[in-house]
Amino acid sequence: MKKNWILKENKHYNILVSILKNREIENIESYLNPKIEDLNDFTLLKDIDKAVDRIFQALINKEKIMIFGHDDVDGITSVFILYNYLTKLGSQYHYSYIPNREIEGHGMKSGFINKVKEIGINLVITVDGGICCYDKIEALSEMGIDTIITDHHIPPEKLPNAYAIINPKQADCKYPFDMLAGVGVTYALISIMSKKTGIPLSKDDILMTALGTIADRVPLIYDNRIFSKIGLRYLRTSRNKFINFVTYQNSELSTNNLLNLIIKLMNAGRSTDGNHLALEVLFIEDYFKIRALYNKLSYILKEYDIQQRTAFALIDELYQNNNNNIFIHLDDNAIPLPLIGSVASYVNSKYHIPAVILKSNGQIITAEARGPEGFNFVELFNSISDLLIQYGGHKRAAGFSAELKNYEHIRNRMIDFVSNGKYNFCKKDDIVIDYQLDKHAFDMNELININKQMYPFGENNYRPIYLIKNLPMNELYKFPFSQGAFQNIEGEILDIVFTVDEENSRLCIVDCMRSGFSQNSG
């Protein structure tokens, strides 16, 4: 099938300005040179002042505080910046708990409640989660323990009985941007605390917020753009000993590759009893202890890489027998539980359909789901909520737990949901082109500079896609295209769509057609 090329028509003498106008960027100066002051007013977040006052009360009365997080980078960085700031405020009675989803599954479980009882906690603060933990928060309330929820996932119809809920996705929340990562909401909380106490935040607070925001793949626009753009400025100058160690050990890496390595290392640290190796190493000051944990996390990553390649090969084989518009796989022992999210992402990316990968642990199954643009897993899981123990997430990335005995019912209803034709999610045949370049005025340095100004890239802020038309095959050598890009291309004169790899100074082919055969519309 011939791909449809959609060329934006807004053409300005400046290529970068044209791209940003085509993408409907309203404030170009703020996009290119964001400042912390450009962030929206955090006081507009519902319950944030109420939450801050309750935390101050706990600090004054020397109450014991437990921070409950999530075992991904968004959750780890959220726990870190809140824990660190409470320490700055002089607290000596705060703790953290990050459940291992491989053992405990998603959300609060009995192990956490037992830990709270054991320590004698008075106040629980959730970060990057909690909005769906109705029963466990009700249990905490019955024990006389207040809970403050900070979250960014879509709230269920019935909210937990918490002392305060800070979540920009609440219908009655006045905050104008509802796509913050969990760490963005946590940053808002400590920012208000900072304003009220006068104890400043650090550059590492914004760096950690950037790491969590980028890792969670929320849209990198508005506040998320500000967090990520400013935070990454401090990546190589961080005062955090672990970040500093990783940077020194991998000084040859580009900023993007260094960023990806740190995210992978932090994702590899799942432990037991509420601990997490990545959170632990962020607090360590001793060089030798940091090196030991870095080596341990690196070893885990290598093992994951081997297991991942095996899992992807298995999925490619299984996919050949998939006759549905959704890929659902209940795995036995072939795919390790920590990899089911990345396997679901692999299916979604390669085959452009929603994917749900499940693992069983006794009589309970855990699922991770990833979907293409235009699909909504929250609606799907809402439609089968009577069969689920717990679920949550975003439209395109979510998860659930359920009883194994309900698997066939869950599978059939998910297939029926996707088959009803409601979602037109297959977008793989549309290529949106940001700018048509003049082949006679091609300037690689200018395009590299544009990428550097638009970095970091992610959801809703993709690398620019360019078009060059009517390029003779015998002139291809004038342009730094990746080797082997034209091996199977027919025609003497080509229209070429590509992106720029600024790190390797190469042009990467997105699509290519014989001139006169491309479909262009704006």
Protein backbone atom coordinates (compact mmCIF):
# COMPACT_ATOMS: atom_id res chain seq x y z
CA MET A 1 0.00 0.00 0.00
CA LYS A 2 1.31 3.42 -0.95
CA LYS A 3 1.84 5.63 2.09
CA ASN A 4 0.05 8.96 2.28
CA TRP A 5 2.41 11.92 2.63
CA ILE A 6 0.86 14.90 4.38
CA LEU A 7 2.92 18.03 3.77
CA LYS A 8 2.26 21.02 6.02
CA GLU A 9 1.83 24.21 3.98
CA ASN A 10 2.96 26.87 6.45
CA LYS A 11 6.27 27.99 4.93
CA HIS A 12 8.45 30.63 6.58
CA TYR A 13 11.89 31.83 5.49
CA ASN A 14 13.20 30.22 8.69
CA ILE A 15 12.90 26.41 8.66
CA LEU A 16 12.66 26.08 12.44
CA VAL A 17 9.94 28.73 12.70
CA SER A 18 8.00 26.96 9.94
CA ILE A 19 8.19 23.63 11.75
CA LEU A 20 7.03 25.10 15.05
CA LYS A 21 4.18 27.02 13.42
CA ASN A 22 3.10 23.87 11.57
CA ARG A 23 3.03 22.09 14.91
CA GLU A 24 0.94 24.92 16.38
CA ILE A 25 3.54 25.91 18.96
CA GLU A 26 2.04 29.11 20.36
CA ASN A 27 5.00 30.63 22.19
CA ILE A 28 8.13 29.90 20.17
CA GLU A 29 10.49 31.76 22.51
CA SER A 30 9.24 29.83 25.53
CA TYR A 31 9.55 26.57 23.57
CA LEU A 32 13.16 27.23 22.54
CA ASN A 33 14.33 28.89 25.75
CA PRO A 34 12.01 27.79 28.56
CA LYS A 35 12.30 29.14 32.09
CA ILE A 36 10.99 27.73 35.35
CA GLU A 37 8.84 30.83 35.61
CA ASP A 38 6.98 29.69 32.49
CA LEU A 39 5.42 26.78 34.39
CA ASN A 40 1.72 27.01 35.13
CA ASP A 41 0.62 28.14 38.59
CA PHE A 42 0.82 25.08 40.83
CA THR A 43 -1.66 26.59 43.31
CA LEU A 44 -4.34 25.80 40.72
CA LEU A 45 -3.91 22.09 41.46
CA LYS A 46 -6.86 20.95 43.51
CA ASP A 47 -6.02 20.13 47.16
CA ILE A 48 -2.35 21.11 46.89
CA ASP A 49 -2.51 23.74 49.66
CA LYS A 50 -4.49 21.35 51.83
CA ALA A 51 -1.86 18.66 51.28
CA VAL A 52 1.05 21.00 52.07
CA ASP A 53 -0.60 22.17 55.31
CA ARG A 54 -1.10 18.54 56.37
CA ILE A 55 2.56 17.74 55.66
CA PHE A 56 3.70 20.77 57.68
CA GLN A 57 1.46 19.62 60.53
CA ALA A 58 3.12 16.20 60.40
CA LEU A 59 6.59 17.76 60.47
CA ILE A 60 5.73 20.01 63.43
CA ASN A 61 4.24 17.13 65.41
CA LYS A 62 7.05 14.75 64.40
CA GLU A 63 4.61 12.31 62.87
CA LYS A 64 5.91 9.39 60.86
CA ILE A 65 5.47 9.82 57.10
CA MET A 66 5.55 7.04 54.50
CA ILE A 67 6.04 7.81 50.80
CA PHE A 68 4.49 5.14 48.58
CA GLY A 69 5.83 5.07 45.03
CA HIS A 70 5.81 3.09 41.80
CA ASP A 71 8.70 0.93 40.58
CA ASP A 72 9.43 2.78 37.34
CA VAL A 73 11.63 5.84 36.75
CA ASP A 74 8.70 8.23 37.16
CA GLY A 75 7.92 6.71 40.55
CA ILE A 76 11.55 6.44 41.67
CA THR A 77 12.34 10.08 40.88
CA SER A 78 9.07 11.15 42.53
CA VAL A 79 9.99 9.35 45.75
CA PHE A 80 13.52 10.74 45.61
CA ILE A 81 12.69 14.43 45.28
CA LEU A 82 9.95 14.32 47.92
CA TYR A 83 12.05 12.27 50.38
CA ASN A 84 15.02 14.55 49.81
CA TYR A 85 12.97 17.70 50.35
CA LEU A 86 11.43 16.40 53.58
CA THR A 87 14.99 15.79 54.77
CA LYS A 88 15.82 19.41 53.89
CA LEU A 89 12.88 20.52 56.03
CA GLY A 90 14.39 18.68 58.99
CA SER A 91 12.21 15.57 59.07
CA GLN A 92 13.77 12.54 60.74
CA TYR A 93 10.68 10.37 60.57
CA HIS A 94 9.96 9.73 56.92
CA TYR A 95 10.27 6.48 55.02
CA SER A 96 9.69 5.14 51.51
CA TYR A 97 8.14 2.04 50.03
CA ILE A 98 8.33 1.02 46.36
CA PRO A 99 6.55 -2.27 45.64
CA ASN A 100 8.12 -4.77 43.27
CA ARG A 101 5.45 -5.39 40.63
CA GLU A 102 6.97 -8.81 39.87
CA ILE A 103 6.08 -9.93 43.40
CA GLU A 104 3.30 -7.62 44.62
CA GLY A 105 1.69 -6.49 41.40
CA HIS A 106 0.34 -2.97 40.85
CA GLY A 107 -0.88 -0.68 43.63
CA MET A 108 -0.98 -1.05 47.40
CA LYS A 109 -0.99 -4.58 48.74
CA SER A 110 -0.97 -6.23 52.16
CA GLY A 111 2.84 -6.08 52.36
CA PHE A 112 2.68 -2.28 52.35
CA ILE A 113 -0.12 -2.16 54.93
CA ASN A 114 1.91 -4.46 57.18
CA LYS A 115 4.97 -2.21 56.83
CA VAL A 116 2.87 0.83 57.75
CA LYS A 117 1.62 -0.94 60.88
CA GLU A 118 5.12 -2.13 61.78
CA ILE A 119 6.64 1.35 61.65
CA GLY A 120 3.66 3.16 63.14
CA ILE A 121 3.02 5.56 60.26
CA ASN A 122 0.70 8.55 60.74
CA LEU A 123 0.64 9.96 57.19
CA VAL A 124 0.99 8.23 53.81
CA ILE A 125 1.87 10.23 50.70
CA THR A 126 1.52 8.40 47.37
CA VAL A 127 3.50 9.50 44.33
CA ASP A 128 2.88 8.42 40.73
CA GLY A 129 -0.04 6.28 41.87
CA GLY A 130 -2.73 5.72 44.45
CA ILE A 131 -5.74 7.05 42.59
CA CYS A 132 -7.13 3.51 42.08
CA CYS A 133 -6.19 2.12 45.52
CA TYR A 134 -9.66 2.58 47.00
CA ASP A 135 -9.78 -0.43 49.34
CA LYS A 136 -6.30 -0.08 50.79
CA ILE A 137 -6.65 3.67 51.38
CA GLU A 138 -9.99 2.95 53.08
CA ALA A 139 -8.15 0.46 55.28
CA LEU A 140 -5.53 3.12 56.13
CA SER A 141 -8.29 5.55 57.02
CA GLU A 142 -9.90 3.00 59.36
CA MET A 143 -6.49 2.67 61.04
CA GLY A 144 -6.49 6.45 61.67
CA ILE A 145 -3.88 7.14 58.99
CA ASP A 146 -4.31 10.09 56.61
CA THR A 147 -3.38 9.64 52.94
CA ILE A 148 -2.33 12.32 50.47
CA ILE A 149 -2.52 11.09 46.88
CA THR A 150 -0.32 12.67 44.21
CA ASP A 151 -1.00 11.02 40.86
CA HIS A 152 -1.40 11.69 37.16
CA HIS A 153 -3.35 8.66 35.97
CA ILE A 154 -6.99 8.85 34.92
CA PRO A 155 -9.17 8.84 38.06
CA PRO A 156 -11.84 6.16 38.46
CA GLU A 157 -15.46 7.14 39.00
CA LYS A 158 -15.19 6.34 42.71
CA LEU A 159 -12.25 8.15 44.30
CA PRO A 160 -10.40 6.86 47.37
CA ASN A 161 -11.23 8.29 50.80
CA ALA A 162 -8.01 10.31 50.99
CA TYR A 163 -7.24 13.43 53.02
CA ALA A 164 -6.19 15.20 49.80
CA ILE A 165 -5.93 14.22 46.14
CA ILE A 166 -3.59 16.12 43.81
CA ASN A 167 -4.17 14.98 40.24
CA PRO A 168 -4.51 17.38 37.28
CA LYS A 169 -6.84 14.89 35.56
CA GLN A 170 -9.58 15.39 38.15
CA ALA A 171 -12.62 16.91 36.46
CA ASP A 172 -12.83 19.79 38.94
CA CYS A 173 -9.09 20.58 38.95
CA LYS A 174 -8.36 24.03 37.51
CA TYR A 175 -4.76 23.33 36.51
CA PRO A 176 -4.63 24.03 32.74
CA PHE A 177 -2.30 21.16 31.75
CA ASP A 178 -3.41 17.66 32.70
CA MET A 179 -0.60 15.63 31.10
CA LEU A 180 2.05 15.99 33.80
CA ALA A 181 4.06 12.91 34.72
CA GLY A 182 3.81 11.68 38.29
CA VAL A 183 7.10 13.39 39.11
CA GLY A 184 5.75 16.64 37.67
CA VAL A 185 2.93 16.53 40.22
CA THR A 186 5.44 15.72 42.97
CA TYR A 187 7.60 18.64 41.85
CA ALA A 188 4.54 20.89 42.11
CA LEU A 189 4.03 19.72 45.70
CA ILE A 190 7.60 20.43 46.83
CA SER A 191 7.56 23.71 44.88
CA ILE A 192 4.63 24.97 46.95
CA MET A 193 6.39 23.75 50.10
CA SER A 194 9.49 25.65 49.01
CA LYS A 195 7.55 28.88 48.47
CA LYS A 196 5.96 28.62 51.89
CA THR A 197 9.20 27.79 53.75
CA GLY A 198 11.75 29.72 51.71
CA ILE A 199 13.94 26.60 51.54
CA PRO A 200 14.91 26.44 47.85
CA LEU A 201 14.73 23.55 45.45
CA SER A 202 17.93 22.34 43.79
CA LYS A 203 18.99 21.88 40.18
CA ASP A 204 18.90 18.13 40.82
CA ASP A 205 15.19 18.40 41.66
CA ILE A 206 14.49 19.66 38.15
CA LEU A 207 16.93 17.10 36.65
CA MET A 208 15.13 14.23 38.41
CA THR A 209 11.80 15.66 37.25
CA ALA A 210 13.15 15.67 33.69
CA LEU A 211 14.31 12.04 33.97
CA GLY A 212 10.93 10.85 35.26
CA THR A 213 8.99 12.92 32.75
CA ILE A 214 10.97 11.68 29.73
CA ALA A 215 10.99 8.07 30.94
CA ASP A 216 7.21 8.04 31.40
CA ARG A 217 6.66 9.11 27.77
CA VAL A 218 4.13 11.79 28.53
CA PRO A 219 3.72 14.47 25.83
CA LEU A 220 6.84 16.68 25.86
CA ILE A 221 4.90 19.91 25.51
CA TYR A 222 4.05 22.85 27.80
CA ASP A 223 5.16 22.09 31.41
CA ASN A 224 6.71 18.77 30.42
CA ARG A 225 8.82 20.53 27.78
CA ILE A 226 10.01 23.02 30.42
CA PHE A 227 10.92 20.26 32.89
CA SER A 228 12.76 18.15 30.33
CA LYS A 229 14.57 20.96 28.48
CA ILE A 230 15.81 22.71 31.62
CA GLY A 231 16.50 19.54 33.59
CA LEU A 232 18.76 18.00 30.96
CA ARG A 233 20.99 21.07 31.09
CA TYR A 234 22.19 19.75 34.46
CA LEU A 235 22.70 16.12 33.42
CA ARG A 236 26.50 16.34 33.12
CA THR A 237 26.91 18.69 36.09
CA SER A 238 24.62 16.93 38.57
CA ARG A 239 25.67 16.97 42.21
CA ASN A 240 24.06 13.58 42.69
CA LYS A 241 26.93 11.14 43.15
CA PHE A 242 25.30 8.30 41.21
CA ILE A 243 24.35 10.43 38.19
CA ASN A 244 27.83 11.93 38.33
CA PHE A 245 29.42 8.45 38.42
CA VAL A 246 27.40 7.15 35.45
CA THR A 247 28.24 10.29 33.48
CA TYR A 248 31.96 9.93 34.20
CA GLN A 249 32.01 6.20 33.35
CA ASN A 250 30.25 6.88 30.04
CA SER A 251 31.65 10.27 29.10
CA GLU A 252 31.92 9.28 25.43
CA LEU A 253 28.14 8.93 25.12
CA SER A 254 25.96 11.62 23.60
CA THR A 255 23.46 13.31 25.91
CA ASN A 256 20.61 11.24 24.45
CA ASN A 257 22.44 7.92 24.86
CA LEU A 258 23.56 8.86 28.36
CA LEU A 259 19.97 9.75 29.24
CA ASN A 260 18.71 6.41 27.93
CA LEU A 261 21.38 4.51 29.86
CA ILE A 262 20.47 6.20 33.15
CA ILE A 263 16.77 5.47 32.57
CA LYS A 264 17.53 1.80 31.85
CA LEU A 265 19.74 1.47 34.93
CA MET A 266 17.05 2.99 37.13
CA ASN A 267 14.43 0.65 35.69
CA ALA A 268 16.56 -2.39 36.54
CA GLY A 269 16.66 -1.97 40.32
CA ARG A 270 13.54 -3.77 41.54
CA SER A 271 14.09 -5.32 44.97
CA THR A 272 11.95 -6.63 47.85
CA ASP A 273 10.25 -5.41 51.04
CA GLY A 274 9.58 -1.95 49.60
CA ASN A 275 13.19 -1.30 48.62
CA HIS A 276 14.57 -0.36 45.21
CA LEU A 277 18.23 -0.45 44.21
CA ALA A 278 17.97 2.63 41.98
CA LEU A 279 16.43 4.70 44.77
CA GLU A 280 19.05 3.39 47.18
CA VAL A 281 21.96 4.32 44.93
CA LEU A 282 20.60 7.85 44.40
CA PHE A 283 21.10 8.49 48.13
CA ILE A 284 24.56 6.91 48.46
CA GLU A 285 27.59 9.17 48.82
CA ASP A 286 30.33 6.53 48.99
CA TYR A 287 32.13 5.97 45.66
CA PHE A 288 32.83 2.26 46.21
CA LYS A 289 29.23 1.46 47.16
CA ILE A 290 28.01 3.38 44.11
CA ARG A 291 30.39 1.47 41.85
CA ALA A 292 29.22 -1.86 43.27
CA LEU A 293 25.55 -1.05 42.70
CA TYR A 294 26.29 0.39 39.24
CA ASN A 295 27.99 -2.89 38.28
CA LYS A 296 25.04 -4.86 39.65
CA LEU A 297 22.50 -2.78 37.72
CA SER A 298 24.64 -3.04 34.56
CA TYR A 299 24.73 -6.83 34.88
CA ILE A 300 20.94 -6.96 35.26
CA LEU A 301 20.63 -4.82 32.12
CA LYS A 302 22.80 -7.21 30.11
CA GLU A 303 20.68 -10.14 31.23
CA TYR A 304 17.53 -8.24 30.31
CA ASP A 305 18.95 -7.50 26.87
CA ILE A 306 19.53 -11.19 26.15
CA GLN A 307 16.07 -12.12 27.44
CA GLN A 308 14.48 -9.29 25.45
CA ARG A 309 15.97 -10.41 22.13
CA THR A 310 14.66 -13.93 22.79
CA ALA A 311 11.23 -12.57 23.70
CA PHE A 312 11.01 -10.41 20.57
CA ALA A 313 11.87 -13.42 18.37
CA LEU A 314 9.12 -15.43 20.07
CA ILE A 315 6.58 -12.64 19.57
CA ASP A 316 7.43 -12.35 15.86
CA GLU A 317 6.74 -16.06 15.51
CA LEU A 318 3.46 -15.90 17.46
CA TYR A 319 2.26 -12.84 15.59
CA GLN A 320 2.02 -14.77 12.34
CA ASN A 321 -1.03 -16.58 13.77
CA ASN A 322 -2.73 -13.43 15.06
CA ASN A 323 -6.04 -12.87 13.28
CA ASN A 324 -7.34 -10.06 15.47
CA ASN A 325 -6.92 -6.28 15.56
CA ILE A 326 -5.34 -6.69 18.99
CA PHE A 327 -2.44 -8.92 20.06
CA ILE A 328 -3.07 -10.77 23.34
CA HIS A 329 -0.54 -13.22 24.76
CA LEU A 330 -0.65 -15.03 28.10
CA ASP A 331 2.91 -16.17 28.65
CA ASP A 332 4.06 -19.21 30.61
CA ASN A 333 7.82 -19.05 31.21
CA ALA A 334 9.26 -17.60 28.00
CA ILE A 335 9.00 -13.89 28.83
CA PRO A 336 10.19 -12.62 32.24
CA LEU A 337 7.64 -10.42 34.02
CA PRO A 338 9.86 -7.28 33.98
CA LEU A 339 9.86 -7.43 30.15
CA ILE A 340 6.14 -7.68 29.40
CA GLY A 341 5.84 -3.90 29.09
CA SER A 342 8.70 -3.66 26.60
CA VAL A 343 7.32 -6.64 24.66
CA ALA A 344 3.92 -4.94 24.42
CA SER A 345 5.69 -1.79 23.19
CA TYR A 346 7.56 -3.87 20.60
CA VAL A 347 4.33 -5.29 19.17
CA ASN A 348 2.68 -1.88 19.09
CA SER A 349 5.68 -0.25 17.43
CA LYS A 350 6.32 -2.97 14.84
CA TYR A 351 2.80 -4.10 13.99
CA HIS A 352 0.81 -0.92 14.77
CA ILE A 353 -1.93 -2.62 16.78
CA PRO A 354 -2.79 -2.64 20.50
CA ALA A 355 -0.94 -5.30 22.47
CA VAL A 356 -1.65 -6.88 25.85
CA ILE A 357 1.01 -9.17 27.34
CA LEU A 358 0.05 -11.14 30.44
CA LYS A 359 1.90 -13.23 33.03
CA SER A 360 0.44 -15.54 35.65
CA ASN A 361 1.64 -15.76 39.24
CA GLY A 362 -0.34 -18.52 40.87
CA GLN A 363 -4.00 -17.70 40.31
CA ILE A 364 -3.36 -14.02 39.51
CA ILE A 365 -2.43 -12.58 36.12
CA THR A 366 -0.64 -9.29 35.55
CA ALA A 367 -0.95 -7.46 32.23
CA GLU A 368 0.89 -4.63 30.51
CA ALA A 369 -0.73 -2.97 27.49
CA ARG A 370 0.53 -0.57 24.84
CA GLY A 371 -1.40 0.92 21.94
CA PRO A 372 -1.05 3.16 18.87
CA GLU A 373 -2.19 6.74 18.47
CA GLY A 374 -5.96 6.94 18.63
CA PHE A 375 -6.48 3.94 20.91
CA ASN A 376 -7.71 4.15 24.52
CA PHE A 377 -6.86 1.34 26.94
CA VAL A 378 -8.55 3.15 29.83
CA GLU A 379 -11.90 2.84 28.02
CA LEU A 380 -11.15 -0.78 27.17
CA PHE A 381 -10.36 -1.66 30.78
CA ASN A 382 -13.38 0.28 32.02
CA SER A 383 -15.51 -1.95 29.80
CA ILE A 384 -14.16 -5.11 31.46
CA SER A 385 -13.67 -3.72 34.98
CA ASP A 386 -16.06 -6.32 36.41
CA LEU A 387 -13.42 -8.95 35.53
CA LEU A 388 -10.40 -7.06 36.90
CA ILE A 389 -8.93 -6.77 40.38
CA GLN A 390 -7.20 -3.50 39.65
CA TYR A 391 -6.25 -1.43 36.62
CA GLY A 392 -4.85 1.96 35.67
CA GLY A 393 -2.60 3.91 33.37
CA HIS A 394 -2.94 6.11 30.32
CA LYS A 395 -4.81 5.81 27.04
CA ARG A 396 -1.88 4.20 25.22
CA ALA A 397 0.00 2.59 28.13
CA ALA A 398 -1.81 0.80 30.93
CA GLY A 399 -1.97 -2.38 32.97
CA PHE A 400 -4.19 -4.52 35.14
CA SER A 401 -4.33 -7.52 37.44
CA ALA A 402 -7.05 -10.16 37.40
CA GLU A 403 -7.83 -13.71 38.43
CA LEU A 404 -6.44 -16.34 36.09
CA LYS A 405 -9.83 -18.08 35.90
CA ASN A 406 -11.24 -15.01 34.12
CA TYR A 407 -8.60 -14.93 31.38
CA GLU A 408 -10.71 -16.34 28.53
CA HIS A 409 -13.59 -13.97 29.34
CA ILE A 410 -11.15 -11.04 29.47
CA ARG A 411 -9.55 -12.05 26.18
CA ASN A 412 -12.86 -12.45 24.35
CA ARG A 413 -14.26 -9.16 25.58
CA MET A 414 -11.09 -7.28 24.65
CA ILE A 415 -11.27 -8.75 21.13
CA ASP A 416 -14.96 -7.78 20.87
CA PHE A 417 -14.17 -4.25 22.07
CA VAL A 418 -11.53 -3.70 19.40
CA SER A 419 -13.63 -5.37 16.70
CA ASN A 420 -16.59 -3.03 17.08
CA GLY A 421 -14.96 -0.50 14.74
CA LYS A 422 -15.00 2.41 17.20
CA TYR A 423 -11.28 3.08 16.93
CA ASN A 424 -9.53 4.01 13.71
CA PHE A 425 -6.09 3.56 15.20
CA CYS A 426 -4.02 2.23 12.29
CA LYS A 427 -2.03 5.32 11.30
CA LYS A 428 1.02 3.62 9.81
CA ASP A 429 0.21 4.75 6.26
CA ASP A 430 0.22 8.47 7.09
CA ILE A 431 3.49 10.40 7.16
CA VAL A 432 3.21 14.00 8.32
CA ILE A 433 6.03 16.04 6.76
CA ASP A 434 7.20 19.16 8.58
CA TYR A 435 9.05 20.88 5.75
CA GLN A 436 10.01 20.51 2.08
CA LEU A 437 13.67 21.34 1.60
CA ASP A 438 15.27 22.88 -1.46
CA LYS A 439 17.85 20.34 -2.63
CA HIS A 440 20.05 23.15 -3.97
CA ALA A 441 20.15 24.93 -0.58
CA PHE A 442 20.59 21.85 1.62
CA ASP A 443 22.52 22.66 4.80
CA MET A 444 23.22 19.72 7.13
CA ASN A 445 24.61 21.95 9.88
CA GLU A 446 21.39 23.95 9.94
CA LEU A 447 19.28 20.79 10.28
CA ILE A 448 21.49 19.46 13.08
CA ASN A 449 21.17 22.78 14.88
CA ILE A 450 17.37 22.63 14.54
CA ASN A 451 17.35 19.20 16.18
CA LYS A 452 19.51 20.45 19.03
CA GLN A 453 17.12 23.34 19.65
CA MET A 454 14.06 21.07 19.57
CA TYR A 455 15.60 18.35 21.77
CA PRO A 456 14.57 16.40 23.81
CA PHE A 457 12.29 14.42 21.50
CA GLY A 458 9.37 12.32 22.59
CA GLU A 459 5.59 12.10 22.49
CA ASN A 460 4.12 15.16 20.68
CA ASN A 461 7.62 16.49 20.03
CA TYR A 462 9.10 14.21 17.38
CA ARG A 463 12.16 14.73 15.26
CA PRO A 464 11.33 16.93 12.24
CA ILE A 465 10.45 15.03 9.08
CA TYR A 466 11.71 16.54 5.82
CA LEU A 467 10.99 16.05 2.13
CA ILE A 468 13.32 16.51 -0.83
CA LYS A 469 11.70 16.14 -4.25
CA ASN A 470 13.07 15.33 -7.68
CA LEU A 471 16.47 14.12 -6.53
CA PRO A 472 18.37 12.17 -9.25
CA MET A 473 19.92 8.89 -8.14
CA ASN A 474 23.30 10.02 -9.38
CA GLU A 475 23.20 12.96 -6.93
CA LEU A 476 22.49 10.92 -3.79
CA TYR A 477 26.17 10.94 -2.89
CA LYS A 478 25.88 14.69 -2.18
CA PHE A 479 23.68 13.97 0.82
CA PRO A 480 24.70 12.02 3.96
CA PHE A 481 22.02 9.32 3.76
CA SER A 482 22.51 6.17 5.83
CA GLN A 483 24.31 3.39 3.98
CA GLY A 484 22.13 0.88 2.17
CA ALA A 485 19.05 3.10 2.34
CA PHE A 486 18.31 2.85 -1.40
CA GLN A 487 19.06 -0.81 -2.11
CA ASN A 488 15.49 -1.72 -3.05
CA ILE A 489 14.37 1.61 -4.50
CA GLU A 490 13.35 1.82 -8.17
CA GLY A 491 13.44 4.94 -10.29
CA GLU A 492 16.05 7.38 -11.52
CA ILE A 493 14.52 10.47 -9.86
CA LEU A 494 13.25 10.21 -6.30
CA ASP A 495 11.12 11.99 -3.72
CA ILE A 496 12.64 11.23 -0.32
CA VAL A 497 11.21 11.68 3.20
CA PHE A 498 13.76 11.57 6.03
CA THR A 499 14.76 12.63 9.51
CA VAL A 500 18.14 13.83 10.77
CA ASP A 501 20.32 11.81 13.14
CA GLU A 502 22.17 14.70 14.74
CA GLU A 503 24.47 12.44 16.76
CA ASN A 504 25.91 10.64 13.73
CA SER A 505 25.34 13.42 11.16
CA ARG A 506 23.29 11.12 8.93
CA LEU A 507 19.94 11.31 7.14
CA CYS A 508 17.57 8.46 8.00
CA ILE A 509 15.03 7.42 5.36
CA VAL A 510 11.38 7.39 6.45
CA ASP A 511 9.93 6.72 3.00
CA CYS A 512 11.00 7.03 -0.64
CA MET A 513 9.16 6.96 -3.96
CA ARG A 514 9.80 7.52 -7.62
CA SER A 515 9.08 11.21 -8.36
CA GLY A 516 5.53 11.80 -9.46
CA PHE A 517 4.10 8.89 -7.47
CA SER A 518 3.98 10.40 -3.96
CA GLN A 519 0.68 11.51 -2.45
CA ASN A 520 1.08 14.99 -0.98
CA SER A 521 -1.62 16.94 0.79
CA GLY A 522 -1.67 19.70 3.37
